[in-house]
């Protein structure tokens, strides 16, 4: 997606051709190209959805615990 945004912003090709060549949605590419306040990398790496409630360390511990408990009940 980053390369597609750079190519269209440089004027080498249009939205449709870049979207087909890089296999990315044309509408998304168009929206990213029009947002000139951010670099392509910043646009692509935006986290969508709700923020997590738990810290990732605690979340991983809970996941490990769940896996252990599942193994215990299956055996």
Protein backbone atom coordinates (compact mmCIF):
# COMPACT_ATOMS: atom_id res chain seq x y z
CA UNK A 1 0.00 0.00 0.00
CA UNK A 2 2.85 2.39 0.84
CA UNK A 3 4.43 1.90 -2.56
CA UNK A 4 1.09 2.44 -4.29
CA UNK A 5 0.57 5.71 -2.41
CA UNK A 6 4.07 6.91 -3.33
CA UNK A 7 3.59 6.06 -7.02
CA UNK A 8 0.27 7.89 -7.27
CA UNK A 9 1.54 10.89 -5.29
CA UNK A 10 4.54 11.19 -7.60
CA UNK A 11 2.19 11.33 -10.58
CA UNK A 12 3.65 8.28 -12.33
CA UNK A 13 0.27 6.56 -12.55
CA UNK A 14 -3.38 6.97 -11.59
CA UNK A 15 -5.51 5.43 -8.86
CA UNK A 16 -7.03 2.67 -10.95
CA UNK A 17 -3.80 1.43 -12.51
CA UNK A 18 -1.93 1.53 -9.18
CA UNK A 19 -4.74 -0.25 -7.35
CA UNK A 20 -4.74 -3.06 -9.91
CA UNK A 21 -0.95 -3.33 -10.07
CA UNK A 22 -0.44 -3.38 -6.28
CA UNK A 23 -3.72 -5.27 -5.57
CA UNK A 24 -5.08 -2.69 -3.14
CA UNK A 25 -8.59 -1.20 -2.89
CA UNK A 26 -8.93 1.86 -5.12
CA UNK A 27 -11.06 3.82 -2.64
CA UNK A 28 -8.61 3.29 0.20
CA UNK A 29 -5.70 4.22 -2.04
CA UNK A 30 -7.47 7.39 -3.11
CA UNK A 31 -8.19 8.36 0.50
CA UNK A 32 -4.56 7.77 1.52
CA UNK A 33 -3.21 9.77 -1.41
CA UNK A 34 -5.46 12.74 -0.64
CA UNK A 35 -4.30 12.81 3.00
CA UNK A 36 -1.04 14.68 2.40
CA UNK A 37 -0.49 15.58 6.06
CA UNK A 38 0.83 12.08 6.84
CA UNK A 39 3.44 9.83 5.28
CA UNK A 40 2.28 6.58 3.66
CA UNK A 41 3.78 4.57 6.51
CA UNK A 42 1.82 6.52 9.11
CA UNK A 43 -1.41 6.07 7.16
CA UNK A 44 -0.98 2.32 6.79
CA UNK A 45 0.05 1.69 10.43
CA UNK A 46 -3.02 3.27 12.03
CA UNK A 47 -4.62 1.00 14.64
CA UNK A 48 -8.35 0.76 14.14
CA UNK A 49 -10.97 -0.19 16.69
CA UNK A 50 -11.08 0.13 20.41
CA UNK A 51 -8.03 0.46 22.58
CA UNK A 52 -7.10 -2.53 24.67
CA UNK A 53 -8.07 -2.59 28.31
CA UNK A 54 -5.37 -4.96 29.51
CA UNK A 55 -1.66 -4.53 29.18
CA UNK A 56 -0.21 -6.87 26.57
CA UNK A 57 1.88 -8.65 29.23
CA UNK A 58 -1.23 -9.47 31.28
CA UNK A 59 -3.16 -10.42 28.17
CA UNK A 60 -0.43 -12.91 27.20
CA UNK A 61 -0.46 -14.41 30.71
CA UNK A 62 -4.24 -14.88 30.52
CA UNK A 63 -3.87 -16.49 27.11
CA UNK A 64 -1.26 -18.92 28.42
CA UNK A 65 -3.49 -19.73 31.40
CA UNK A 66 -6.43 -20.37 29.10
CA UNK A 67 -4.37 -22.70 26.93
CA UNK A 68 -3.18 -24.63 30.00
CA UNK A 69 -6.73 -24.91 31.37
CA UNK A 70 -8.02 -26.12 27.99
CA UNK A 71 -5.33 -28.81 27.85
CA UNK A 72 -6.23 -29.89 31.40
CA UNK A 73 -9.93 -30.32 30.61
CA UNK A 74 -9.31 -32.14 27.34
CA UNK A 75 -7.00 -34.74 28.89
